[in-house]
Amino acid sequence: MALREAGKTRNLAILVRSAILGGHRRGIMAELTERAMTSVVVRNPEVLGGRPVFRGTRVPVEVLFENLEHGMSIDEIIESYPGLCREDVIACLEEASGSLKAAAL
């Protein structure tokens, strides 16, 4: 079961990262940050040039997806970035999943 969930998370990370790095950067990131993500992800022109970061940190959202894509677990990512909390990471993944599902319709 854990392997299946890890595979789903990795696939989601690849899809989101591809959308962000591909021609859909503005659409996906705007949707992630302008909907319910506003409580988890923030943008400030004075923090990392306005890149979306987890609230209260300087950790870019893209770091989550890059690390998942490279096979890291959520726990490993949280250990690597102590400013992140599990609830925010899960909320970000759930919103990304919802955004991708909505975009597919």
PDB file of N, CA and C in Angstrom:
ATOM      1  N   MET A   1       0.817  -1.191   0.000  1.00  0.00           N
ATOM      2  CA  MET A   1       0.000   0.000   0.000  1.00  0.00           C
ATOM      3  C   MET A   1       0.867   1.265   0.000  1.00  0.00           C
ATOM      4  N   ALA A   2       1.896   1.290   0.856  1.00  0.00           N
ATOM      5  CA  ALA A   2       2.763   2.455   0.923  1.00  0.00           C
ATOM      6  C   ALA A   2       3.479   2.683  -0.408  1.00  0.00           C
ATOM      7  N   LEU A   3       3.878   1.607  -1.068  1.00  0.00           N
ATOM      8  CA  LEU A   3       4.532   1.755  -2.374  1.00  0.00           C
ATOM      9  C   LEU A   3       3.594   2.349  -3.403  1.00  0.00           C
ATOM     10  N   ARG A   4       2.326   1.940  -3.367  1.00  0.00           N
ATOM     11  CA  ARG A   4       1.346   2.481  -4.311  1.00  0.00           C
ATOM     12  C   ARG A   4       1.167   3.978  -4.070  1.00  0.00           C
ATOM     13  N   GLU A   5       1.049   4.385  -2.798  1.00  0.00           N
ATOM     14  CA  GLU A   5       0.888   5.799  -2.476  1.00  0.00           C
ATOM     15  C   GLU A   5       2.130   6.586  -2.886  1.00  0.00           C
ATOM     16  N   ALA A   6       3.307   6.027  -2.657  1.00  0.00           N
ATOM     17  CA  ALA A   6       4.542   6.700  -3.054  1.00  0.00           C
ATOM     18  C   ALA A   6       4.576   6.883  -4.568  1.00  0.00           C
ATOM     19  N   GLY A   7       4.123   5.880  -5.304  1.00  0.00           N
ATOM     20  CA  GLY A   7       4.074   5.982  -6.756  1.00  0.00           C
ATOM     21  C   GLY A   7       3.119   7.060  -7.219  1.00  0.00           C
ATOM     22  N   LYS A   8       1.958   7.146  -6.578  1.00  0.00           N
ATOM     23  CA  LYS A   8       0.984   8.185  -6.924  1.00  0.00           C
ATOM     24  C   LYS A   8       1.554   9.571  -6.650  1.00  0.00           C
ATOM     25  N   THR A   9       2.210   9.727  -5.492  1.00  0.00           N
ATOM     26  CA  THR A   9       2.792  11.011  -5.139  1.00  0.00           C
ATOM     27  C   THR A   9       3.879  11.394  -6.127  1.00  0.00           C
ATOM     28  N   ARG A  10       4.713  10.430  -6.498  1.00  0.00           N
ATOM     29  CA  ARG A  10       5.787  10.711  -7.457  1.00  0.00           C
ATOM     30  C   ARG A  10       5.209  11.080  -8.813  1.00  0.00           C
ATOM     31  N   ASN A  11       4.170  10.365  -9.267  1.00  0.00           N
ATOM     32  CA  ASN A  11       3.539  10.684 -10.548  1.00  0.00           C
ATOM     33  C   ASN A  11       2.926  12.075 -10.519  1.00  0.00           C
ATOM     34  N   LEU A  12       2.273  12.425  -9.413  1.00  0.00           N
ATOM     35  CA  LEU A  12       1.699  13.760  -9.280  1.00  0.00           C
ATOM     36  C   LEU A  12       2.806  14.802  -9.346  1.00  0.00           C
ATOM     37  N   ALA A  13       3.910  14.541  -8.665  1.00  0.00           N
ATOM     38  CA  ALA A  13       5.028  15.482  -8.670  1.00  0.00           C
ATOM     39  C   ALA A  13       5.553  15.689 -10.082  1.00  0.00           C
ATOM     40  N   ILE A  14       5.670  14.619 -10.831  1.00  0.00           N
ATOM     41  CA  ILE A  14       6.163  14.718 -12.211  1.00  0.00           C
ATOM     42  C   ILE A  14       5.193  15.530 -13.064  1.00  0.00           C
ATOM     43  N   LEU A  15       3.899  15.275 -12.920  1.00  0.00           N
ATOM     44  CA  LEU A  15       2.897  16.019 -13.693  1.00  0.00           C
ATOM     45  C   LEU A  15       2.928  17.501 -13.366  1.00  0.00           C
ATOM     46  N   VAL A  16       2.948  17.819 -12.084  1.00  0.00           N
ATOM     47  CA  VAL A  16       2.936  19.231 -11.682  1.00  0.00           C
ATOM     48  C   VAL A  16       4.216  19.910 -12.123  1.00  0.00           C
ATOM     49  N   ARG A  17       5.337  19.269 -11.895  1.00  0.00           N
ATOM     50  CA  ARG A  17       6.613  19.877 -12.287  1.00  0.00           C
ATOM     51  C   ARG A  17       6.669  20.077 -13.796  1.00  0.00           C
ATOM     52  N   SER A  18       6.181  19.109 -14.551  1.00  0.00           N
ATOM     53  CA  SER A  18       6.168  19.248 -16.007  1.00  0.00           C
ATOM     54  C   SER A  18       5.296  20.428 -16.426  1.00  0.00           C
ATOM     55  N   ALA A  19       4.157  20.565 -15.772  1.00  0.00           N
ATOM     56  CA  ALA A  19       3.263  21.680 -16.099  1.00  0.00           C
ATOM     57  C   ALA A  19       3.907  23.010 -15.739  1.00  0.00           C
ATOM     58  N   ILE A  20       4.597  23.042 -14.592  1.00  0.00           N
ATOM     59  CA  ILE A  20       5.241  24.274 -14.165  1.00  0.00           C
ATOM     60  C   ILE A  20       6.382  24.640 -15.102  1.00  0.00           C
ATOM     61  N   LEU A  21       7.202  23.670 -15.457  1.00  0.00           N
ATOM     62  CA  LEU A  21       8.366  23.950 -16.286  1.00  0.00           C
ATOM     63  C   LEU A  21       8.031  24.051 -17.760  1.00  0.00           C
ATOM     64  N   GLY A  22       6.874  23.507 -18.134  1.00  0.00           N
ATOM     65  CA  GLY A  22       6.455  23.581 -19.526  1.00  0.00           C
ATOM     66  C   GLY A  22       5.799  24.913 -19.821  1.00  0.00           C
ATOM     67  N   GLY A  23       5.030  24.945 -20.851  1.00  0.00           N
ATOM     68  CA  GLY A  23       4.386  26.180 -21.261  1.00  0.00           C
ATOM     69  C   GLY A  23       3.238  26.622 -20.386  1.00  0.00           C
ATOM     70  N   HIS A  24       2.897  25.847 -19.361  1.00  0.00           N
ATOM     71  CA  HIS A  24       1.744  26.169 -18.526  1.00  0.00           C
ATOM     72  C   HIS A  24       2.143  26.755 -17.183  1.00  0.00           C
ATOM     73  N   ARG A  25       3.353  27.257 -17.063  1.00  0.00           N
ATOM     74  CA  ARG A  25       3.851  27.771 -15.776  1.00  0.00           C
ATOM     75  C   ARG A  25       2.864  28.750 -15.151  1.00  0.00           C
ATOM     76  N   ARG A  26       2.453  29.734 -15.848  1.00  0.00           N
ATOM     77  CA  ARG A  26       1.575  30.765 -15.278  1.00  0.00           C
ATOM     78  C   ARG A  26       0.234  30.172 -14.859  1.00  0.00           C
ATOM     79  N   GLY A  27      -0.368  29.344 -15.694  1.00  0.00           N
ATOM     80  CA  GLY A  27      -1.688  28.807 -15.392  1.00  0.00           C
ATOM     81  C   GLY A  27      -1.715  27.928 -14.156  1.00  0.00           C
ATOM     82  N   ILE A  28      -0.827  26.956 -14.064  1.00  0.00           N
ATOM     83  CA  ILE A  28      -0.818  26.042 -12.930  1.00  0.00           C
ATOM     84  C   ILE A  28      -0.440  26.769 -11.653  1.00  0.00           C
ATOM     85  N   MET A  29       0.646  27.536 -11.680  1.00  0.00           N
ATOM     86  CA  MET A  29       1.082  28.206 -10.461  1.00  0.00           C
ATOM     87  C   MET A  29       0.068  29.257 -10.029  1.00  0.00           C
ATOM     88  N   ALA A  30      -0.536  29.941 -10.961  1.00  0.00           N
ATOM     89  CA  ALA A  30      -1.541  30.928 -10.594  1.00  0.00           C
ATOM     90  C   ALA A  30      -2.725  30.245  -9.935  1.00  0.00           C
ATOM     91  N   GLU A  31      -3.147  29.133 -10.507  1.00  0.00           N
ATOM     92  CA  GLU A  31      -4.267  28.409  -9.938  1.00  0.00           C
ATOM     93  C   GLU A  31      -3.939  27.885  -8.547  1.00  0.00           C
ATOM     94  N   LEU A  32      -2.731  27.371  -8.365  1.00  0.00           N
ATOM     95  CA  LEU A  32      -2.328  26.855  -7.061  1.00  0.00           C
ATOM     96  C   LEU A  32      -2.305  27.951  -6.013  1.00  0.00           C
ATOM     97  N   THR A  33      -1.845  29.131  -6.377  1.00  0.00           N
ATOM     98  CA  THR A  33      -1.682  30.175  -5.381  1.00  0.00           C
ATOM     99  C   THR A  33      -2.911  31.051  -5.212  1.00  0.00           C
ATOM    100  N   GLU A  34      -3.797  31.088  -6.174  1.00  0.00           N
ATOM    101  CA  GLU A  34      -4.939  31.987  -6.091  1.00  0.00           C
ATOM    102  C   GLU A  34      -6.190  31.328  -5.538  1.00  0.00           C
ATOM    103  N   ARG A  35      -6.172  30.036  -5.373  1.00  0.00           N
ATOM    104  CA  ARG A  35      -7.326  29.339  -4.808  1.00  0.00           C
ATOM    105  C   ARG A  35      -7.074  29.079  -3.340  1.00  0.00           C
ATOM    106  N   ALA A  36      -7.455  27.942  -2.838  1.00  0.00           N
ATOM    107  CA  ALA A  36      -7.308  27.625  -1.416  1.00  0.00           C
ATOM    108  C   ALA A  36      -5.857  27.616  -0.973  1.00  0.00           C
ATOM    109  N   MET A  37      -4.932  27.544  -1.907  1.00  0.00           N
ATOM    110  CA  MET A  37      -3.524  27.506  -1.561  1.00  0.00           C
ATOM    111  C   MET A  37      -3.047  28.802  -0.933  1.00  0.00           C
ATOM    112  N   THR A  38      -3.806  29.864  -1.018  1.00  0.00           N
ATOM    113  CA  THR A  38      -3.331  31.136  -0.501  1.00  0.00           C
ATOM    114  C   THR A  38      -2.997  31.062   0.976  1.00  0.00           C
ATOM    115  N   SER A  39      -3.579  30.119   1.706  1.00  0.00           N
ATOM    116  CA  SER A  39      -3.219  29.996   3.109  1.00  0.00           C
ATOM    117  C   SER A  39      -1.942  29.186   3.301  1.00  0.00           C
ATOM    118  N   VAL A  40      -1.543  28.407   2.320  1.00  0.00           N
ATOM    119  CA  VAL A  40      -0.364  27.553   2.415  1.00  0.00           C
ATOM    120  C   VAL A  40       0.798  28.119   1.603  1.00  0.00           C
ATOM    121  N   VAL A  41       0.508  28.680   0.472  1.00  0.00           N
ATOM    122  CA  VAL A  41       1.529  29.198  -0.447  1.00  0.00           C
ATOM    123  C   VAL A  41       1.332  30.698  -0.599  1.00  0.00           C
ATOM    124  N   VAL A  42       2.427  31.419  -0.538  1.00  0.00           N
ATOM    125  CA  VAL A  42       2.360  32.876  -0.692  1.00  0.00           C
ATOM    126  C   VAL A  42       3.375  33.329  -1.719  1.00  0.00           C
ATOM    127  N   ARG A  43       3.126  34.514  -2.241  1.00  0.00           N
ATOM    128  CA  ARG A  43       4.062  35.163  -3.165  1.00  0.00           C
ATOM    129  C   ARG A  43       4.337  36.561  -2.635  1.00  0.00           C
ATOM    130  N   ASN A  44       5.604  36.911  -2.639  1.00  0.00           N
ATOM    131  CA  ASN A  44       6.010  38.240  -2.226  1.00  0.00           C
ATOM    132  C   ASN A  44       7.173  38.624  -3.132  1.00  0.00           C
ATOM    133  N   PRO A  45       7.060  39.735  -3.838  1.00  0.00           N
ATOM    134  CA  PRO A  45       8.124  40.121  -4.759  1.00  0.00           C
ATOM    135  C   PRO A  45       9.494  40.245  -4.085  1.00  0.00           C
ATOM    136  N   GLU A  46       9.506  40.450  -2.773  1.00  0.00           N
ATOM    137  CA  GLU A  46      10.769  40.611  -2.059  1.00  0.00           C
ATOM    138  C   GLU A  46      11.328  39.294  -1.515  1.00  0.00           C
ATOM    139  N   VAL A  47      10.578  38.202  -1.714  1.00  0.00           N
ATOM    140  CA  VAL A  47      11.045  36.887  -1.267  1.00  0.00           C
ATOM    141  C   VAL A  47      11.256  36.011  -2.499  1.00  0.00           C
ATOM    142  N   LEU A  48      12.495  35.693  -2.771  1.00  0.00           N
ATOM    143  CA  LEU A  48      12.872  34.857  -3.921  1.00  0.00           C
ATOM    144  C   LEU A  48      12.263  35.357  -5.230  1.00  0.00           C
ATOM    145  N   GLY A  49      12.241  36.657  -5.387  1.00  0.00           N
ATOM    146  CA  GLY A  49      11.766  37.254  -6.628  1.00  0.00           C
ATOM    147  C   GLY A  49      10.296  37.002  -6.926  1.00  0.00           C
ATOM    148  N   GLY A  50       9.507  36.715  -5.905  1.00  0.00           N
ATOM    149  CA  GLY A  50       8.080  36.495  -6.103  1.00  0.00           C
ATOM    150  C   GLY A  50       7.692  35.061  -6.410  1.00  0.00           C
ATOM    151  N   ARG A  51       8.653  34.154  -6.358  1.00  0.00           N
ATOM    152  CA  ARG A  51       8.324  32.738  -6.592  1.00  0.00           C
ATOM    153  C   ARG A  51       7.402  32.251  -5.476  1.00  0.00           C
ATOM    154  N   PRO A  52       6.472  31.361  -5.765  1.00  0.00           N
ATOM    155  CA  PRO A  52       5.585  30.835  -4.722  1.00  0.00           C
ATOM    156  C   PRO A  52       6.406  30.055  -3.685  1.00  0.00           C
ATOM    157  N   VAL A  53       6.206  30.401  -2.410  1.00  0.00           N
ATOM    158  CA  VAL A  53       6.890  29.724  -1.314  1.00  0.00           C
ATOM    159  C   VAL A  53       5.857  29.292  -0.281  1.00  0.00           C
ATOM    160  N   PHE A  54       6.239  28.315   0.538  1.00  0.00           N
ATOM    161  CA  PHE A  54       5.378  27.927   1.644  1.00  0.00           C
ATOM    162  C   PHE A  54       5.345  29.070   2.650  1.00  0.00           C
ATOM    163  N   ARG A  55       4.159  29.389   3.156  1.00  0.00           N
ATOM    164  CA  ARG A  55       4.000  30.529   4.066  1.00  0.00           C
ATOM    165  C   ARG A  55       4.959  30.395   5.253  1.00  0.00           C
ATOM    166  N   GLY A  56       5.502  31.515   5.660  1.00  0.00           N
ATOM    167  CA  GLY A  56       6.399  31.559   6.796  1.00  0.00           C
ATOM    168  C   GLY A  56       7.787  30.995   6.533  1.00  0.00           C
ATOM    169  N   THR A  57       8.088  30.689   5.268  1.00  0.00           N
ATOM    170  CA  THR A  57       9.396  30.130   4.921  1.00  0.00           C
ATOM    171  C   THR A  57       9.927  30.828   3.676  1.00  0.00           C
ATOM    172  N   ARG A  58      11.113  30.435   3.301  1.00  0.00           N
ATOM    173  CA  ARG A  58      11.674  30.831   2.009  1.00  0.00           C
ATOM    174  C   ARG A  58      11.831  29.588   1.138  1.00  0.00           C
ATOM    175  N   VAL A  59      11.032  28.570   1.402  1.00  0.00           N
ATOM    176  CA  VAL A  59      11.101  27.304   0.670  1.00  0.00           C
ATOM    177  C   VAL A  59      10.151  27.375  -0.523  1.00  0.00           C
ATOM    178  N   PRO A  60      10.682  27.372  -1.738  1.00  0.00           N
ATOM    179  CA  PRO A  60       9.832  27.426  -2.931  1.00  0.00           C
ATOM    180  C   PRO A  60       8.989  26.155  -3.055  1.00  0.00           C
ATOM    181  N   VAL A  61       7.767  26.316  -3.501  1.00  0.00           N
ATOM    182  CA  VAL A  61       6.863  25.177  -3.703  1.00  0.00           C
ATOM    183  C   VAL A  61       7.471  24.179  -4.675  1.00  0.00           C
ATOM    184  N   GLU A  62       8.171  24.663  -5.678  1.00  0.00           N
ATOM    185  CA  GLU A  62       8.742  23.765  -6.683  1.00  0.00           C
ATOM    186  C   GLU A  62       9.724  22.767  -6.067  1.00  0.00           C
ATOM    187  N   VAL A  63      10.339  23.115  -4.933  1.00  0.00           N
ATOM    188  CA  VAL A  63      11.265  22.206  -4.251  1.00  0.00           C
ATOM    189  C   VAL A  63      10.546  20.927  -3.821  1.00  0.00           C
ATOM    190  N   LEU A  64       9.310  21.069  -3.373  1.00  0.00           N
ATOM    191  CA  LEU A  64       8.524  19.898  -2.978  1.00  0.00           C
ATOM    192  C   LEU A  64       8.390  18.944  -4.158  1.00  0.00           C
ATOM    193  N   PHE A  65       7.977  19.452  -5.295  1.00  0.00           N
ATOM    194  CA  PHE A  65       7.734  18.603  -6.459  1.00  0.00           C
ATOM    195  C   PHE A  65       9.027  18.041  -7.045  1.00  0.00           C
ATOM    196  N   GLU A  66      10.077  18.835  -7.036  1.00  0.00           N
ATOM    197  CA  GLU A  66      11.364  18.339  -7.528  1.00  0.00           C
ATOM    198  C   GLU A  66      11.863  17.175  -6.671  1.00  0.00           C
ATOM    199  N   ASN A  67      11.765  17.333  -5.352  1.00  0.00           N
ATOM    200  CA  ASN A  67      12.237  16.275  -4.460  1.00  0.00           C
ATOM    201  C   ASN A  67      11.369  15.027  -4.545  1.00  0.00           C
ATOM    202  N   LEU A  68      10.068  15.191  -4.670  1.00  0.00           N
ATOM    203  CA  LEU A  68       9.197  14.024  -4.852  1.00  0.00           C
ATOM    204  C   LEU A  68       9.538  13.311  -6.150  1.00  0.00           C
ATOM    205  N   GLU A  69       9.773  14.087  -7.184  1.00  0.00           N
ATOM    206  CA  GLU A  69      10.124  13.510  -8.479  1.00  0.00           C
ATOM    207  C   GLU A  69      11.409  12.690  -8.385  1.00  0.00           C
ATOM    208  N   HIS A  70      12.323  13.122  -7.540  1.00  0.00           N
ATOM    209  CA  HIS A  70      13.589  12.409  -7.369  1.00  0.00           C
ATOM    210  C   HIS A  70      13.494  11.259  -6.376  1.00  0.00           C
ATOM    211  N   GLY A  71      12.284  10.963  -5.910  1.00  0.00           N
ATOM    212  CA  GLY A  71      12.074   9.789  -5.082  1.00  0.00           C
ATOM    213  C   GLY A  71      12.116  10.005  -3.583  1.00  0.00           C
ATOM    214  N   MET A  72      12.241  11.243  -3.137  1.00  0.00           N
ATOM    215  CA  MET A  72      12.245  11.492  -1.696  1.00  0.00           C
ATOM    216  C   MET A  72      10.828  11.335  -1.144  1.00  0.00           C
ATOM    217  N   SER A  73      10.733  10.883   0.081  1.00  0.00           N
ATOM    218  CA  SER A  73       9.431  10.791   0.742  1.00  0.00           C
ATOM    219  C   SER A  73       9.087  12.154   1.345  1.00  0.00           C
ATOM    220  N   ILE A  74       7.829  12.323   1.708  1.00  0.00           N
ATOM    221  CA  ILE A  74       7.408  13.564   2.360  1.00  0.00           C
ATOM    222  C   ILE A  74       8.200  13.767   3.642  1.00  0.00           C
ATOM    223  N   ASP A  75       8.385  12.704   4.416  1.00  0.00           N
ATOM    224  CA  ASP A  75       9.145  12.815   5.669  1.00  0.00           C
ATOM    225  C   ASP A  75      10.584  13.255   5.413  1.00  0.00           C
ATOM    226  N   GLU A  76      11.207  12.732   4.365  1.00  0.00           N
ATOM    227  CA  GLU A  76      12.580  13.133   4.032  1.00  0.00           C
ATOM    228  C   GLU A  76      12.644  14.605   3.629  1.00  0.00           C
ATOM    229  N   ILE A  77      11.645  15.060   2.909  1.00  0.00           N
ATOM    230  CA  ILE A  77      11.608  16.459   2.489  1.00  0.00           C
ATOM    231  C   ILE A  77      11.446  17.359   3.706  1.00  0.00           C
ATOM    232  N   ILE A  78      10.556  16.991   4.601  1.00  0.00           N
ATOM    233  CA  ILE A  78      10.334  17.785   5.812  1.00  0.00           C
ATOM    234  C   ILE A  78      11.607  17.815   6.670  1.00  0.00           C
ATOM    235  N   GLU A  79      12.319  16.698   6.728  1.00  0.00           N
ATOM    236  CA  GLU A  79      13.595  16.669   7.459  1.00  0.00           C
ATOM    237  C   GLU A  79      14.616  17.597   6.805  1.00  0.00           C
ATOM    238  N   SER A  80      14.614  17.650   5.491  1.00  0.00           N
ATOM    239  CA  SER A  80      15.568  18.484   4.772  1.00  0.00           C
ATOM    240  C   SER A  80      15.234  19.970   4.855  1.00  0.00           C
ATOM    241  N   TYR A  81      13.967  20.280   5.027  1.00  0.00           N
ATOM    242  CA  TYR A  81      13.496  21.665   5.097  1.00  0.00           C
ATOM    243  C   TYR A  81      12.676  21.818   6.377  1.00  0.00           C
ATOM    244  N   PRO A  82      13.338  22.017   7.507  1.00  0.00           N
ATOM    245  CA  PRO A  82      12.647  22.037   8.800  1.00  0.00           C
ATOM    246  C   PRO A  82      11.537  23.083   8.916  1.00  0.00           C
ATOM    247  N   GLY A  83      11.547  24.102   8.082  1.00  0.00           N
ATOM    248  CA  GLY A  83      10.490  25.105   8.128  1.00  0.00           C
ATOM    249  C   GLY A  83       9.153  24.599   7.610  1.00  0.00           C
ATOM    250  N   LEU A  84       9.178  23.479   6.891  1.00  0.00           N
ATOM    251  CA  LEU A  84       7.942  22.910   6.350  1.00  0.00           C
ATOM    252  C   LEU A  84       7.242  22.069   7.403  1.00  0.00           C
ATOM    253  N   CYS A  85       5.926  22.104   7.364  1.00  0.00           N
ATOM    254  CA  CYS A  85       5.161  21.200   8.234  1.00  0.00           C
ATOM    255  C   CYS A  85       4.353  20.256   7.347  1.00  0.00           C
ATOM    256  N   ARG A  86       4.105  19.103   7.870  1.00  0.00           N
ATOM    257  CA  ARG A  86       3.417  18.038   7.139  1.00  0.00           C
ATOM    258  C   ARG A  86       2.057  18.509   6.613  1.00  0.00           C
ATOM    259  N   GLU A  87       1.321  19.228   7.417  1.00  0.00           N
ATOM    260  CA  GLU A  87      -0.026  19.673   7.020  1.00  0.00           C
ATOM    261  C   GLU A  87       0.031  20.572   5.784  1.00  0.00           C
ATOM    262  N   ASP A  88       1.001  21.479   5.745  1.00  0.00           N
ATOM    263  CA  ASP A  88       1.122  22.367   4.588  1.00  0.00           C
ATOM    264  C   ASP A  88       1.543  21.602   3.338  1.00  0.00           C
ATOM    265  N   VAL A  89       2.439  20.646   3.496  1.00  0.00           N
ATOM    266  CA  VAL A  89       2.883  19.842   2.354  1.00  0.00           C
ATOM    267  C   VAL A  89       1.707  19.042   1.797  1.00  0.00           C
ATOM    268  N   ILE A  90       0.944  18.411   2.674  1.00  0.00           N
ATOM    269  CA  ILE A  90      -0.220  17.626   2.244  1.00  0.00           C
ATOM    270  C   ILE A  90      -1.256  18.533   1.583  1.00  0.00           C
ATOM    271  N   ALA A  91      -1.512  19.702   2.172  1.00  0.00           N
ATOM    272  CA  ALA A  91      -2.476  20.638   1.579  1.00  0.00           C
ATOM    273  C   ALA A  91      -2.031  21.067   0.186  1.00  0.00           C
ATOM    274  N   CYS A  92      -0.746  21.299   0.017  1.00  0.00           N
ATOM    275  CA  CYS A  92      -0.219  21.683  -1.290  1.00  0.00           C
ATOM    276  C   CYS A  92      -0.416  20.569  -2.306  1.00  0.00           C
ATOM    277  N   LEU A  93      -0.106  19.343  -1.915  1.00  0.00           N
ATOM    278  CA  LEU A  93      -0.282  18.199  -2.822  1.00  0.00           C
ATOM    279  C   LEU A  93      -1.749  17.983  -3.175  1.00  0.00           C
ATOM    280  N   GLU A  94      -2.627  18.114  -2.194  1.00  0.00           N
ATOM    281  CA  GLU A  94      -4.056  17.930  -2.458  1.00  0.00           C
ATOM    282  C   GLU A  94      -4.579  19.002  -3.403  1.00  0.00           C
ATOM    283  N   GLU A  95      -4.149  20.224  -3.197  1.00  0.00           N
ATOM    284  CA  GLU A  95      -4.598  21.303  -4.083  1.00  0.00           C
ATOM    285  C   GLU A  95      -4.033  21.125  -5.487  1.00  0.00           C
ATOM    286  N   ALA A  96      -2.782  20.707  -5.577  1.00  0.00           N
ATOM    287  CA  ALA A  96      -2.188  20.459  -6.899  1.00  0.00           C
ATOM    288  C   ALA A  96      -2.953  19.360  -7.619  1.00  0.00           C
ATOM    289  N   SER A  97      -3.293  18.327  -6.899  1.00  0.00           N
ATOM    290  CA  SER A  97      -4.061  17.222  -7.487  1.00  0.00           C
ATOM    291  C   SER A  97      -5.415  17.713  -7.973  1.00  0.00           C
ATOM    292  N   GLY A  98      -6.092  18.496  -7.137  1.00  0.00           N
ATOM    293  CA  GLY A  98      -7.396  19.036  -7.527  1.00  0.00           C
ATOM    294  C   GLY A  98      -7.299  19.939  -8.738  1.00  0.00           C
ATOM    295  N   SER A  99      -6.256  20.753  -8.795  1.00  0.00           N
ATOM    296  CA  SER A  99      -6.067  21.658  -9.928  1.00  0.00           C
ATOM    297  C   SER A  99      -5.823  20.893 -11.217  1.00  0.00           C
ATOM    298  N   LEU A 100      -5.037  19.823 -11.132  1.00  0.00           N
ATOM    299  CA  LEU A 100      -4.776  19.019 -12.327  1.00  0.00           C
ATOM    300  C   LEU A 100      -6.039  18.306 -12.789  1.00  0.00           C
ATOM    301  N   LYS A 101      -6.827  17.812 -11.849  1.00  0.00           N
ATOM    302  CA  LYS A 101      -8.079  17.147 -12.206  1.00  0.00           C
ATOM    303  C   LYS A 101      -9.034  18.120 -12.871  1.00  0.00           C
ATOM    304  N   ALA A 102      -9.123  19.331 -12.320  1.00  0.00           N
ATOM    305  CA  ALA A 102     -10.016  20.350 -12.885  1.00  0.00           C
ATOM    306  C   ALA A 102      -9.547  20.766 -14.273  1.00  0.00           C
ATOM    307  N   ALA A 103      -8.231  20.868 -14.458  1.00  0.00           N
ATOM    308  CA  ALA A 103      -7.688  21.256 -15.762  1.00  0.00           C
ATOM    309  C   ALA A 103      -7.946  20.199 -16.814  1.00  0.00           C
ATOM    310  N   ALA A 104      -8.066  18.943 -16.377  1.00  0.00           N
ATOM    311  CA  ALA A 104      -8.285  17.844 -17.319  1.00  0.00           C
ATOM    312  C   ALA A 104      -9.721  17.790 -17.819  1.00  0.00           C
ATOM    313  N   LEU A 105     -10.630  18.439 -17.103  1.00  0.00           N
ATOM    314  CA  LEU A 105     -12.038  18.415 -17.506  1.00  0.00           C
ATOM    315  C   LEU A 105     -12.328  19.322 -18.613  1.00  0.00           C
TER     316      LEU A 105
END
